[in-house]
């Protein structure tokens, strides 16, 4: 359970980060209009298309490997968003981000059902979902700080946001890979 709360902010941080990106001149740098941000919802098409295959893979390879794969992959794709140069690459990477993140939250909930009896399950799931408001609480000030990094090492503020968000997801994914037990009998 201790690894679940840090995992959900990786997904939840994307929301305040996207809001901050508008302020960080992503639209101006890439000549994106408001419609481009609306169409960034293409993320959910990738997520929906790959939700079931992702869930099936979890049963094949186990929670530790699959949940960490999801977090590491979405971290790399999220970081790759810093290389967006136009509307097309922005859309393609948003779609791939949905594909990478597909299956994460439902699989964590299923994973928690394996570890917690019905009487304690609601509390465990509540702690997991508490990660989202924490991400929103911490994500907005972090976005503001990253906006101040504009020009550092030749990167714009929105590139910094994607880089930090992506690398954080990769780090958490690697921790999950080495410390999460897939099944009760594997627990130490």
C-alpha atoms as a PDB file:
ATOM      1  CA  UNK A   1       0.000   0.000   0.000  1.00  0.00           C
ATOM      2  CA  UNK A   2       2.755   2.549   0.690  1.00  0.00           C
ATOM      3  CA  UNK A   3       3.626   2.633  -3.008  1.00  0.00           C
ATOM      4  CA  UNK A   4       0.093   3.348  -4.234  1.00  0.00           C
ATOM      5  CA  UNK A   5      -0.278   6.961  -2.986  1.00  0.00           C
ATOM      6  CA  UNK A   6       2.953   8.156  -4.674  1.00  0.00           C
ATOM      7  CA  UNK A   7       1.883   6.482  -7.906  1.00  0.00           C
ATOM      8  CA  UNK A   8      -1.442   8.269  -8.452  1.00  0.00           C
ATOM      9  CA  UNK A   9       0.092  11.767  -8.303  1.00  0.00           C
ATOM     10  CA  UNK A  10       2.133  10.838 -11.341  1.00  0.00           C
ATOM     11  CA  UNK A  11      -1.141  10.590 -13.266  1.00  0.00           C
ATOM     12  CA  UNK A  12      -2.843  13.434 -11.424  1.00  0.00           C
ATOM     13  CA  UNK A  13       0.010  15.889 -11.924  1.00  0.00           C
ATOM     14  CA  UNK A  14      -0.722  15.902 -15.641  1.00  0.00           C
ATOM     15  CA  UNK A  15      -3.873  17.959 -15.064  1.00  0.00           C
ATOM     16  CA  UNK A  16      -2.359  21.016 -13.328  1.00  0.00           C
ATOM     17  CA  UNK A  17       0.641  20.685 -15.593  1.00  0.00           C
ATOM     18  CA  UNK A  18      -1.575  21.065 -18.665  1.00  0.00           C
ATOM     19  CA  UNK A  19      -3.188  24.183 -17.176  1.00  0.00           C
ATOM     20  CA  UNK A  20       0.230  25.600 -16.438  1.00  0.00           C
ATOM     21  CA  UNK A  21       1.364  24.887 -19.951  1.00  0.00           C
ATOM     22  CA  UNK A  22      -1.145  27.360 -21.361  1.00  0.00           C
ATOM     23  CA  UNK A  23       0.503  30.021 -19.233  1.00  0.00           C
ATOM     24  CA  UNK A  24       3.947  28.801 -20.225  1.00  0.00           C
ATOM     25  CA  UNK A  25       3.528  29.798 -23.863  1.00  0.00           C
ATOM     26  CA  UNK A  26       3.208  26.318 -25.330  1.00  0.00           C
ATOM     27  CA  UNK A  27       0.476  27.678 -27.564  1.00  0.00           C
ATOM     28  CA  UNK A  28       2.694  30.482 -28.799  1.00  0.00           C
ATOM     29  CA  UNK A  29       5.819  28.329 -29.201  1.00  0.00           C
ATOM     30  CA  UNK A  30       4.020  25.667 -31.230  1.00  0.00           C
ATOM     31  CA  UNK A  31       1.358  27.885 -32.794  1.00  0.00           C
ATOM     32  CA  UNK A  32      -1.378  25.855 -31.117  1.00  0.00           C
ATOM     33  CA  UNK A  33      -4.867  27.226 -30.845  1.00  0.00           C
ATOM     34  CA  UNK A  34      -7.424  26.541 -28.134  1.00  0.00           C
ATOM     35  CA  UNK A  35      -8.825  23.720 -30.273  1.00  0.00           C
ATOM     36  CA  UNK A  36      -5.505  21.871 -30.004  1.00  0.00           C
ATOM     37  CA  UNK A  37      -5.878  21.689 -26.240  1.00  0.00           C
ATOM     38  CA  UNK A  38      -9.437  20.454 -26.634  1.00  0.00           C
ATOM     39  CA  UNK A  39      -8.235  17.786 -29.050  1.00  0.00           C
ATOM     40  CA  UNK A  40      -5.499  16.820 -26.604  1.00  0.00           C
ATOM     41  CA  UNK A  41      -8.335  14.682 -25.225  1.00  0.00           C
ATOM     42  CA  UNK A  42      -7.148  12.221 -27.883  1.00  0.00           C
ATOM     43  CA  UNK A  43      -5.303  10.880 -24.828  1.00  0.00           C
ATOM     44  CA  UNK A  44      -8.568   9.219 -23.764  1.00  0.00           C
ATOM     45  CA  UNK A  45      -8.943   7.470 -27.139  1.00  0.00           C
ATOM     46  CA  UNK A  46      -5.573   5.774 -26.652  1.00  0.00           C
ATOM     47  CA  UNK A  47      -6.451   5.031 -23.047  1.00  0.00           C
ATOM     48  CA  UNK A  48      -9.820   3.479 -23.954  1.00  0.00           C
ATOM     49  CA  UNK A  49      -8.460   1.413 -26.856  1.00  0.00           C
ATOM     50  CA  UNK A  50      -5.695  -0.128 -24.766  1.00  0.00           C
ATOM     51  CA  UNK A  51      -7.497  -0.458 -21.427  1.00  0.00           C
ATOM     52  CA  UNK A  52      -8.572  -4.083 -21.919  1.00  0.00           C
ATOM     53  CA  UNK A  53      -5.285  -5.335 -23.450  1.00  0.00           C
ATOM     54  CA  UNK A  54      -3.412  -3.661 -20.614  1.00  0.00           C
ATOM     55  CA  UNK A  55      -5.613  -5.317 -18.030  1.00  0.00           C
ATOM     56  CA  UNK A  56      -5.105  -8.712 -19.651  1.00  0.00           C
ATOM     57  CA  UNK A  57      -1.319  -8.260 -19.616  1.00  0.00           C
ATOM     58  CA  UNK A  58      -1.339  -7.605 -15.886  1.00  0.00           C
ATOM     59  CA  UNK A  59      -2.565 -11.148 -15.313  1.00  0.00           C
ATOM     60  CA  UNK A  60       0.155 -12.521 -17.594  1.00  0.00           C
ATOM     61  CA  UNK A  61       3.167 -10.738 -16.117  1.00  0.00           C
ATOM     62  CA  UNK A  62       2.045  -9.702 -12.619  1.00  0.00           C
ATOM     63  CA  UNK A  63       1.268  -6.423 -10.902  1.00  0.00           C
ATOM     64  CA  UNK A  64       4.854  -5.472 -10.054  1.00  0.00           C
ATOM     65  CA  UNK A  65       6.101  -5.705 -13.629  1.00  0.00           C
ATOM     66  CA  UNK A  66       3.000  -4.342 -15.343  1.00  0.00           C
ATOM     67  CA  UNK A  67       2.254  -1.398 -13.050  1.00  0.00           C
ATOM     68  CA  UNK A  68       5.894  -0.335 -13.120  1.00  0.00           C
ATOM     69  CA  UNK A  69       5.928  -0.738 -16.920  1.00  0.00           C
ATOM     70  CA  UNK A  70       2.923   1.558 -17.160  1.00  0.00           C
ATOM     71  CA  UNK A  71       4.538   4.225 -14.973  1.00  0.00           C
ATOM     72  CA  UNK A  72       7.939   4.030 -16.671  1.00  0.00           C
ATOM     73  CA  UNK A  73       6.435   4.108 -20.159  1.00  0.00           C
ATOM     74  CA  UNK A  74       4.114   7.006 -19.434  1.00  0.00           C
ATOM     75  CA  UNK A  75       7.069   8.811 -17.835  1.00  0.00           C
ATOM     76  CA  UNK A  76       9.160   8.479 -20.968  1.00  0.00           C
ATOM     77  CA  UNK A  77       6.266   9.481 -23.232  1.00  0.00           C
ATOM     78  CA  UNK A  78       5.441  12.412 -20.975  1.00  0.00           C
ATOM     79  CA  UNK A  79       9.071  13.554 -21.056  1.00  0.00           C
ATOM     80  CA  UNK A  80       9.046  13.143 -24.844  1.00  0.00           C
ATOM     81  CA  UNK A  81       6.269  15.754 -24.954  1.00  0.00           C
ATOM     82  CA  UNK A  82       9.055  18.296 -24.432  1.00  0.00           C
ATOM     83  CA  UNK A  83      10.104  17.579 -28.025  1.00  0.00           C
ATOM     84  CA  UNK A  84       6.722  18.609 -29.469  1.00  0.00           C
ATOM     85  CA  UNK A  85       7.321  20.920 -32.402  1.00  0.00           C
ATOM     86  CA  UNK A  86       3.875  21.240 -33.926  1.00  0.00           C
ATOM     87  CA  UNK A  87       0.248  20.246 -33.575  1.00  0.00           C
ATOM     88  CA  UNK A  88       0.800  16.794 -35.100  1.00  0.00           C
ATOM     89  CA  UNK A  89       3.566  15.728 -32.705  1.00  0.00           C
ATOM     90  CA  UNK A  90       1.531  17.135 -29.818  1.00  0.00           C
ATOM     91  CA  UNK A  91      -1.478  14.990 -30.802  1.00  0.00           C
ATOM     92  CA  UNK A  92       0.584  11.856 -31.467  1.00  0.00           C
ATOM     93  CA  UNK A  93       2.352  12.112 -28.125  1.00  0.00           C
ATOM     94  CA  UNK A  94      -0.907  12.768 -26.253  1.00  0.00           C
ATOM     95  CA  UNK A  95      -2.394   9.645 -27.885  1.00  0.00           C
ATOM     96  CA  UNK A  96       0.697   7.611 -26.950  1.00  0.00           C
ATOM     97  CA  UNK A  97       0.469   8.939 -23.403  1.00  0.00           C
ATOM     98  CA  UNK A  98      -3.069   7.525 -23.206  1.00  0.00           C
ATOM     99  CA  UNK A  99      -1.832   4.194 -24.557  1.00  0.00           C
ATOM    100  CA  UNK A 100       1.005   4.129 -22.012  1.00  0.00           C
ATOM    101  CA  UNK A 101      -1.242   4.986 -19.053  1.00  0.00           C
ATOM    102  CA  UNK A 102      -4.073   2.594 -20.033  1.00  0.00           C
ATOM    103  CA  UNK A 103      -5.014   0.181 -17.312  1.00  0.00           C
ATOM    104  CA  UNK A 104      -3.235   1.889 -14.453  1.00  0.00           C
ATOM    105  CA  UNK A 105      -5.980   2.995 -12.085  1.00  0.00           C
ATOM    106  CA  UNK A 106      -8.290  -0.031 -12.503  1.00  0.00           C
ATOM    107  CA  UNK A 107      -5.313  -2.331 -11.985  1.00  0.00           C
ATOM    108  CA  UNK A 108      -4.270  -0.566  -8.799  1.00  0.00           C
ATOM    109  CA  UNK A 109      -7.817  -0.920  -7.462  1.00  0.00           C
ATOM    110  CA  UNK A 110      -7.834  -4.620  -8.362  1.00  0.00           C
ATOM    111  CA  UNK A 111      -4.404  -5.019  -6.778  1.00  0.00           C
ATOM    112  CA  UNK A 112      -5.693  -3.465  -3.545  1.00  0.00           C
ATOM    113  CA  UNK A 113      -8.580  -5.972  -3.479  1.00  0.00           C
ATOM    114  CA  UNK A 114      -6.005  -8.780  -3.325  1.00  0.00           C
ATOM    115  CA  UNK A 115      -4.292  -7.285  -0.294  1.00  0.00           C
ATOM    116  CA  UNK A 116      -7.108  -5.868   1.831  1.00  0.00           C
ATOM    117  CA  UNK A 117     -10.154  -7.647   3.236  1.00  0.00           C
ATOM    118  CA  UNK A 118     -13.548  -6.158   2.401  1.00  0.00           C
ATOM    119  CA  UNK A 119     -13.774  -4.470   5.819  1.00  0.00           C
ATOM    120  CA  UNK A 120     -10.553  -2.466   5.201  1.00  0.00           C
ATOM    121  CA  UNK A 121     -10.681  -2.168   1.423  1.00  0.00           C
ATOM    122  CA  UNK A 122     -12.607   1.122   1.369  1.00  0.00           C
ATOM    123  CA  UNK A 123      -9.987   2.750   3.555  1.00  0.00           C
ATOM    124  CA  UNK A 124      -7.159   1.464   1.366  1.00  0.00           C
ATOM    125  CA  UNK A 125      -8.839   2.690  -1.817  1.00  0.00           C
ATOM    126  CA  UNK A 126      -9.547   6.034  -0.136  1.00  0.00           C
ATOM    127  CA  UNK A 127      -5.853   6.433   0.682  1.00  0.00           C
ATOM    128  CA  UNK A 128      -5.010   5.613  -2.920  1.00  0.00           C
ATOM    129  CA  UNK A 129      -7.430   8.223  -4.249  1.00  0.00           C
ATOM    130  CA  UNK A 130      -6.122  10.771  -1.756  1.00  0.00           C
ATOM    131  CA  UNK A 131      -3.086  10.936  -4.046  1.00  0.00           C
ATOM    132  CA  UNK A 132      -5.064  12.923  -6.634  1.00  0.00           C
ATOM    133  CA  UNK A 133      -5.872  15.945  -4.438  1.00  0.00           C
ATOM    134  CA  UNK A 134      -2.286  15.803  -3.183  1.00  0.00           C
ATOM    135  CA  UNK A 135      -1.097  15.972  -6.788  1.00  0.00           C
ATOM    136  CA  UNK A 136      -3.322  18.955  -7.446  1.00  0.00           C
ATOM    137  CA  UNK A 137      -2.173  20.638  -4.245  1.00  0.00           C
ATOM    138  CA  UNK A 138       1.515  20.128  -4.984  1.00  0.00           C
ATOM    139  CA  UNK A 139       1.345  20.238  -8.782  1.00  0.00           C
ATOM    140  CA  UNK A 140       0.229  23.833  -9.156  1.00  0.00           C
ATOM    141  CA  UNK A 141       3.077  25.376  -7.098  1.00  0.00           C
ATOM    142  CA  UNK A 142       5.528  23.053  -8.831  1.00  0.00           C
ATOM    143  CA  UNK A 143       4.194  24.229 -12.189  1.00  0.00           C
ATOM    144  CA  UNK A 144       4.706  27.819 -11.058  1.00  0.00           C
ATOM    145  CA  UNK A 145       8.286  27.083 -10.049  1.00  0.00           C
ATOM    146  CA  UNK A 146       8.955  25.379 -13.382  1.00  0.00           C
ATOM    147  CA  UNK A 147       7.566  28.397 -15.221  1.00  0.00           C
ATOM    148  CA  UNK A 148      10.389  30.397 -13.653  1.00  0.00           C
ATOM    149  CA  UNK A 149      12.957  28.049 -15.216  1.00  0.00           C
ATOM    150  CA  UNK A 150      12.235  29.374 -18.713  1.00  0.00           C
ATOM    151  CA  UNK A 151      15.468  29.584 -20.699  1.00  0.00           C
ATOM    152  CA  UNK A 152      17.569  27.512 -18.316  1.00  0.00           C
ATOM    153  CA  UNK A 153      19.771  25.134 -20.343  1.00  0.00           C
ATOM    154  CA  UNK A 154      17.972  26.325 -23.469  1.00  0.00           C
ATOM    155  CA  UNK A 155      14.630  24.809 -22.474  1.00  0.00           C
ATOM    156  CA  UNK A 156      11.340  26.631 -22.294  1.00  0.00           C
ATOM    157  CA  UNK A 157       9.238  26.411 -19.141  1.00  0.00           C
ATOM    158  CA  UNK A 158       6.762  23.983 -20.723  1.00  0.00           C
ATOM    159  CA  UNK A 159       9.647  21.712 -21.739  1.00  0.00           C
ATOM    160  CA  UNK A 160      10.841  21.723 -18.130  1.00  0.00           C
ATOM    161  CA  UNK A 161       7.340  20.773 -16.993  1.00  0.00           C
ATOM    162  CA  UNK A 162       7.201  17.737 -19.252  1.00  0.00           C
ATOM    163  CA  UNK A 163      10.750  16.719 -18.370  1.00  0.00           C
ATOM    164  CA  UNK A 164      10.204  16.891 -14.607  1.00  0.00           C
ATOM    165  CA  UNK A 165       6.788  15.216 -14.794  1.00  0.00           C
ATOM    166  CA  UNK A 166       8.144  12.431 -16.988  1.00  0.00           C
ATOM    167  CA  UNK A 167      11.302  11.751 -15.011  1.00  0.00           C
ATOM    168  CA  UNK A 168       9.342  11.678 -11.736  1.00  0.00           C
ATOM    169  CA  UNK A 169       7.062   8.986 -13.189  1.00  0.00           C
ATOM    170  CA  UNK A 170      10.085   6.973 -14.351  1.00  0.00           C
ATOM    171  CA  UNK A 171      11.681   7.165 -10.891  1.00  0.00           C
ATOM    172  CA  UNK A 172       8.468   6.093  -9.119  1.00  0.00           C
ATOM    173  CA  UNK A 173       8.020   3.307 -11.704  1.00  0.00           C
ATOM    174  CA  UNK A 174      11.536   2.015 -11.023  1.00  0.00           C
ATOM    175  CA  UNK A 175      10.906   2.046  -7.264  1.00  0.00           C
ATOM    176  CA  UNK A 176       7.673   0.104  -7.824  1.00  0.00           C
ATOM    177  CA  UNK A 177       9.544  -2.412 -10.002  1.00  0.00           C
ATOM    178  CA  UNK A 178      11.959  -3.235  -7.205  1.00  0.00           C
ATOM    179  CA  UNK A 179       9.705  -2.997  -4.153  1.00  0.00           C
ATOM    180  CA  UNK A 180       6.127  -3.922  -5.036  1.00  0.00           C
ATOM    181  CA  UNK A 181       5.061  -7.497  -4.301  1.00  0.00           C
ATOM    182  CA  UNK A 182       2.711  -8.858  -6.977  1.00  0.00           C
ATOM    183  CA  UNK A 183       1.079 -11.471  -4.779  1.00  0.00           C
ATOM    184  CA  UNK A 184       0.531 -12.101  -1.063  1.00  0.00           C
ATOM    185  CA  UNK A 185       2.812 -15.124  -0.993  1.00  0.00           C
ATOM    186  CA  UNK A 186       5.673 -12.979  -2.355  1.00  0.00           C
ATOM    187  CA  UNK A 187       5.438 -10.463   0.507  1.00  0.00           C
ATOM    188  CA  UNK A 188       8.402 -10.276   2.825  1.00  0.00           C
END
